[in-house]
Protein backbone atom coordinates (compact mmCIF):
# COMPACT_ATOMS: atom_id res chain seq x y z
CA MET A 1 7.75 12.27 52.44
CA LYS A 2 7.18 12.41 49.11
CA LYS A 3 4.53 11.98 46.69
CA GLU A 4 4.10 11.50 42.91
CA ILE A 5 1.77 12.58 41.22
CA LYS A 6 0.39 11.97 37.42
CA ASN A 7 -1.71 12.60 34.73
CA THR A 8 -2.73 10.28 32.17
CA ARG A 9 -3.21 13.32 29.37
CA ILE A 10 0.38 14.79 29.79
CA LEU A 11 3.14 12.09 30.12
CA GLU A 12 5.69 11.24 32.34
CA LYS A 13 5.34 14.37 34.29
CA THR A 14 6.50 13.87 37.81
CA VAL A 15 6.77 16.47 41.10
CA ARG A 16 8.40 15.45 44.08
CA LEU A 17 7.30 16.92 47.32
CA GLU A 18 9.58 16.36 50.84
CA ASN A 19 8.13 19.38 53.56
CA GLY A 20 6.65 20.46 51.75
CA LYS A 21 8.80 21.93 49.68
CA ILE A 22 9.75 21.00 45.92
CA LEU A 23 12.80 18.70 45.38
CA LYS A 24 12.38 18.05 41.67
CA HIS A 25 10.74 19.53 38.08
CA VAL A 26 10.74 17.36 35.63
CA GLN A 27 9.61 19.62 32.24
CA ASP A 28 5.53 18.72 31.74
CA ASP A 29 5.83 17.30 28.17
CA LYS A 30 3.39 18.51 25.08
CA PHE A 31 0.17 16.87 25.19
CA GLY A 32 0.11 13.69 22.07
CA PHE A 33 -2.41 11.45 20.22
CA THR A 34 -2.35 7.50 21.18
CA LEU A 35 -1.41 5.65 17.99
CA ALA A 36 -5.52 5.02 17.34
CA GLU A 37 -6.38 8.60 17.25
CA VAL A 38 -4.53 9.25 14.59
CA LEU A 39 -5.33 5.97 12.42
CA ILE A 40 -9.27 6.69 13.01
CA THR A 41 -7.94 10.53 11.87
CA LEU A 42 -7.02 9.33 9.06
CA GLY A 43 -9.46 7.21 8.10
CA ILE A 44 -12.10 9.86 8.26
CA ILE A 45 -10.16 12.21 6.45
CA GLY A 46 -9.26 9.83 3.72
CA VAL A 47 -13.86 8.45 3.67
CA VAL A 48 -14.14 12.31 3.11
CA ALA A 49 -11.36 12.78 0.21
CA ALA A 50 -12.81 8.91 -1.51
CA MET A 51 -16.82 10.97 -1.46
CA THR A 52 -15.15 14.69 -2.42
CA ILE A 53 -12.51 14.30 -4.77
CA PRO A 54 -14.32 12.09 -7.84
CA SER A 55 -17.86 14.65 -7.82
CA LEU A 56 -14.17 17.74 -7.75
CA ILE A 57 -12.22 16.04 -10.82
CA GLN A 58 -15.98 15.86 -12.40
CA LYS A 59 -16.80 19.08 -12.27
CA TYR A 60 -13.63 20.15 -13.22
CA GLN A 61 -13.41 18.10 -16.39
CA GLU A 62 -16.66 19.06 -17.53
CA LYS A 63 -15.68 22.75 -17.19
CA VAL A 64 -12.48 21.78 -19.20
CA PHE A 65 -15.52 20.64 -22.02
CA VAL A 66 -17.82 23.16 -21.72
CA THR A 67 -14.92 26.10 -22.62
CA GLY A 68 -13.88 24.29 -25.42
CA ALA A 69 -17.10 24.03 -26.68
CA LYS A 70 -17.71 27.67 -26.26
CA LYS A 71 -14.10 28.58 -28.02
CA PHE A 72 -14.71 25.80 -31.05
CA TYR A 73 -18.18 27.55 -31.66
CA SER A 74 -16.16 31.06 -32.26
CA LEU A 75 -14.06 29.39 -34.09
CA ILE A 76 -16.25 28.16 -36.52
CA SER A 77 -18.77 31.08 -36.74
CA GLN A 78 -15.59 33.17 -37.62
CA ALA A 79 -14.54 31.16 -40.60
CA ALA A 80 -17.83 31.03 -42.02
CA GLN A 81 -18.20 34.62 -41.97
CA LEU A 82 -14.62 34.86 -43.33
CA ALA A 83 -16.00 32.00 -46.31
CA VAL A 84 -19.27 33.67 -46.85
CA ILE A 85 -17.47 37.18 -46.88
CA ASN A 86 -14.81 35.23 -49.55
CA ASN A 87 -16.93 32.70 -51.59
CA GLY A 88 -20.31 33.15 -51.44
CA LEU A 89 -23.42 31.86 -49.17
CA PRO A 90 -22.60 28.04 -48.03
CA GLU A 91 -25.97 27.50 -50.85
CA THR A 92 -23.33 28.11 -54.10
CA TRP A 93 -20.29 25.88 -52.85
CA ASP A 94 -19.13 23.29 -54.35
CA LEU A 95 -19.85 20.41 -51.24
CA SER A 96 -20.04 17.37 -53.65
CA ASN A 97 -17.61 15.65 -50.80
CA HIS A 98 -16.18 16.18 -47.57
CA GLU A 99 -12.86 17.52 -49.14
CA ASN A 100 -14.46 20.89 -49.91
CA MET A 101 -16.80 20.69 -46.48
CA ILE A 102 -13.26 21.75 -44.91
CA LYS A 103 -11.76 23.00 -47.53
CA PHE A 104 -13.55 26.70 -47.68
CA VAL A 105 -13.18 27.03 -43.98
CA ALA A 106 -9.87 25.82 -43.55
CA PRO A 107 -8.17 28.98 -44.12
CA TYR A 108 -9.41 30.33 -41.35
CA LEU A 109 -8.25 27.98 -38.92
CA LYS A 110 -5.15 27.39 -37.00
CA ILE A 111 -4.84 23.85 -38.62
CA THR A 112 -1.82 22.02 -37.51
CA ASP A 113 -2.81 18.49 -39.42
CA TYR A 114 -5.65 17.64 -42.35
CA CYS A 115 -6.02 14.08 -42.70
CA THR A 116 -6.97 12.69 -45.14
CA GLY A 117 -6.32 9.03 -45.61
CA LYS A 118 -4.04 9.98 -48.79
CA ASN A 119 -1.01 11.38 -46.66
CA GLY A 120 -0.85 8.65 -43.89
CA LYS A 121 -1.24 11.22 -40.87
CA VAL A 122 -4.14 9.90 -38.77
CA CYS A 123 -6.03 12.82 -36.22
CA TYR A 124 -8.22 10.45 -34.52
CA HIS A 125 -6.78 6.78 -33.17
CA ASN A 126 -9.24 5.24 -31.41
CA ASN A 127 -12.29 3.05 -33.64
CA ASP A 128 -15.49 3.51 -31.81
CA LEU A 129 -16.90 7.45 -30.77
CA TYR A 130 -19.67 6.32 -28.20
CA PHE A 131 -23.03 8.04 -28.22
CA ARG A 132 -24.55 9.38 -25.08
CA ASN A 133 -26.76 5.77 -23.86
CA GLY A 134 -23.00 4.09 -23.91
CA ASN A 135 -23.44 2.75 -27.67
CA THR A 136 -21.08 2.83 -30.29
CA ASN A 137 -20.83 4.26 -33.54
CA GLY A 138 -19.07 1.75 -36.01
CA SER A 139 -18.27 5.14 -38.47
CA ASN A 140 -15.27 7.31 -36.64
CA TYR A 141 -15.76 10.77 -38.86
CA LEU A 142 -12.86 11.89 -36.40
CA SER A 143 -9.94 10.08 -37.32
CA GLY A 144 -9.16 11.40 -41.33
CA ARG A 145 -8.38 7.94 -42.41
CA SER A 146 -10.05 7.67 -45.12
CA PRO A 147 -9.48 9.64 -48.43
CA ASP A 148 -13.63 10.26 -48.61
CA ARG A 149 -13.34 11.24 -44.95
CA PRO A 150 -10.82 13.79 -44.06
CA ALA A 151 -10.53 15.14 -40.57
CA PHE A 152 -8.41 17.74 -39.49
CA ARG A 153 -6.65 19.45 -36.03
CA LEU A 154 -6.27 22.64 -34.41
CA ASN A 155 -3.64 23.89 -32.82
CA ASP A 156 -5.60 23.27 -28.87
CA GLY A 157 -5.74 19.89 -29.89
CA THR A 158 -9.30 19.78 -31.23
CA VAL A 159 -9.77 17.17 -33.65
CA VAL A 160 -12.79 18.25 -36.10
CA GLY A 161 -14.65 15.31 -39.20
CA THR A 162 -17.49 16.61 -41.27
CA CYS A 163 -20.82 15.06 -41.55
CA ASN A 164 -22.94 15.95 -44.93
CA ALA A 165 -26.14 17.01 -42.79
CA THR A 166 -28.88 16.30 -46.12
CA ARG A 167 -30.39 14.28 -43.06
CA ALA A 168 -30.37 17.31 -41.10
CA ASN A 169 -32.49 19.58 -43.97
CA LEU A 170 -36.00 16.85 -42.23
CA ASP A 171 -35.47 18.59 -38.66
CA THR A 172 -33.97 21.46 -38.98
CA PRO A 173 -35.41 24.74 -39.88
CA ASP A 174 -32.64 26.67 -41.86
CA ASP A 175 -31.37 24.07 -44.14
CA GLY A 176 -28.32 22.63 -42.89
CA LEU A 177 -25.24 21.67 -45.62
CA ILE A 178 -22.98 20.70 -43.56
CA GLU A 179 -21.73 18.73 -40.11
CA TYR A 180 -18.84 19.77 -37.77
CA LEU A 181 -18.03 17.02 -35.03
CA ALA A 182 -15.63 18.34 -32.51
CA ASP A 183 -14.30 16.72 -29.87
CA ILE A 184 -12.48 19.08 -26.92
CA ASN A 185 -9.91 16.99 -26.38
CA GLY A 186 -8.77 14.76 -29.68
CA ASP A 187 -8.72 11.40 -29.07
CA LYS A 188 -8.38 11.25 -25.51
CA LYS A 189 -11.23 9.68 -23.42
CA PRO A 190 -14.35 10.22 -23.07
CA ASN A 191 -15.09 9.85 -26.78
CA THR A 192 -18.66 11.15 -25.86
CA LEU A 193 -21.29 12.84 -27.67
CA GLY A 194 -22.45 15.29 -24.89
CA LYS A 195 -19.49 15.04 -23.18
CA ASP A 196 -15.61 15.85 -25.28
CA ILE A 197 -17.50 15.42 -28.91
CA PHE A 198 -20.41 18.15 -29.99
CA ILE A 199 -22.33 19.06 -33.00
CA PHE A 200 -22.19 22.55 -34.90
CA ILE A 201 -24.21 22.76 -38.10
CA LEU A 202 -23.57 25.10 -41.12
CA SER A 203 -26.60 26.32 -42.93
CA LYS A 204 -27.64 27.67 -46.80
CA LYS A 205 -26.86 31.08 -45.47
CA GLY A 206 -23.58 30.80 -43.51
CA THR A 207 -24.57 30.37 -40.24
CA ILE A 208 -23.27 27.74 -38.12
CA ARG A 209 -25.64 27.09 -35.19
CA PRO A 210 -25.40 24.23 -32.45
CA TYR A 211 -27.40 21.25 -32.54
CA GLY A 212 -30.01 20.75 -29.59
CA SER A 213 -31.62 24.24 -29.50
CA MET A 214 -35.14 25.73 -29.14
CA GLN A 215 -35.41 26.25 -33.01
CA ASP A 216 -34.82 22.14 -32.91
CA GLY A 217 -38.33 20.97 -31.30
CA ASP A 218 -38.95 18.34 -28.65
CA THR A 219 -39.37 15.86 -30.84
CA SER A 220 -36.09 15.17 -33.18
CA GLN A 221 -33.14 13.51 -32.49
CA TYR A 222 -31.55 16.65 -32.95
CA SER A 223 -33.69 18.21 -30.38
CA PHE A 224 -32.35 18.57 -26.65
CA LYS A 225 -34.92 16.47 -24.91
CA GLN A 226 -34.69 14.05 -26.98
CA GLY A 227 -31.38 13.60 -28.06
CA CYS A 228 -29.84 15.03 -24.82
CA LEU A 229 -31.87 14.79 -21.85
CA ASN A 230 -33.19 11.05 -22.64
CA SER A 231 -31.10 8.82 -21.25
CA ASN A 232 -31.25 6.32 -23.88
CA ALA A 233 -30.59 9.14 -26.46
CA LYS A 234 -27.51 9.22 -28.69
CA GLY A 235 -26.20 12.78 -27.89
CA PHE A 236 -27.09 14.75 -31.28
CA GLY A 237 -29.26 17.80 -29.53
CA CYS A 238 -26.87 18.48 -26.23
CA THR A 239 -24.52 21.22 -27.55
CA ALA A 240 -26.62 24.30 -27.22
CA TRP A 241 -26.79 23.49 -23.83
CA VAL A 242 -23.39 23.15 -23.57
CA VAL A 243 -22.98 26.27 -25.25
CA GLN A 244 -26.12 28.47 -23.65
CA ASN A 245 -26.77 27.46 -20.49
CA GLY A 246 -22.63 26.80 -19.71
CA ASN A 247 -22.99 22.80 -17.77
CA MET A 248 -23.63 19.74 -18.95
CA ASP A 249 -26.60 19.27 -16.15
CA TYR A 250 -28.23 16.63 -18.70
CA TRP A 251 -25.75 14.46 -17.35
CA HIS A 252 -27.42 14.71 -13.29
CA CYS A 253 -31.22 15.15 -13.30
CA ASN A 254 -33.67 14.66 -16.17
CA ASP A 255 -36.00 17.84 -15.76
CA LEU A 256 -34.57 20.76 -17.15
CA SER A 257 -35.78 22.58 -20.15
CA TRP A 258 -35.38 25.78 -22.07
CA ASP A 259 -38.17 27.24 -20.38
CA GLY A 260 -37.50 25.75 -17.02
CA LYS A 261 -34.94 24.62 -15.34
CA HIS A 262 -31.54 25.21 -16.34
CA LYS A 263 -29.37 23.49 -14.36
CA CYS A 264 -29.99 20.96 -11.46
CA SER A 265 -29.30 23.76 -8.69
CA ASP A 266 -32.38 25.41 -10.20
């Protein structure tokens, strides 16, 4: 008498018995998954990836911008120190035009392109810069298209423009003379203050300071609280936070402060 035994988890396992003796043994097939099981698993993996990958990319990009901001801070600070050694204090420099604002620090930076609006070179091809609140700035200080607004590109791709810091005298205690606007990844997006664009100020005494430090207080548009943490801010006050705390968490929570939380997870 023959008897056939089937196991639904093992495909085609067949053992034939006759008078208690094994007549034929068919080797077991390996365990497998049905098409439905495979599709369900792939679907779950896809959902998890869709939820986590954008966050990982964002964190990585922010880390790149933070590293770039710190690097430029170091470079422009060293350049300013050398400029003071060779030219005296900035309060004695002729800063009547933007070319001179660059001229004094240029010899101590690795500049690959100098854009003046006269030589046909353009350092920054985008027409708009964006504030932290999403609005655009009609004046592009980084393009170098205009003779009275020169800009330059460093060998790492950072594009730098200048702005007269006379207005900063009203808000900062160090008598700022020049603002250096640095876009860490050149004219690649997002071109936004507080993301890839950061502002550093040169004082009359030759020191470079990032906007948004504790000495800028809490009420100025150059302070961290009003000039960066506030979602309606332009982003002028984000630089010091990035340089000193090494994060851009002001994009992710609104309870940060110099004397309290320094990151969202605190």
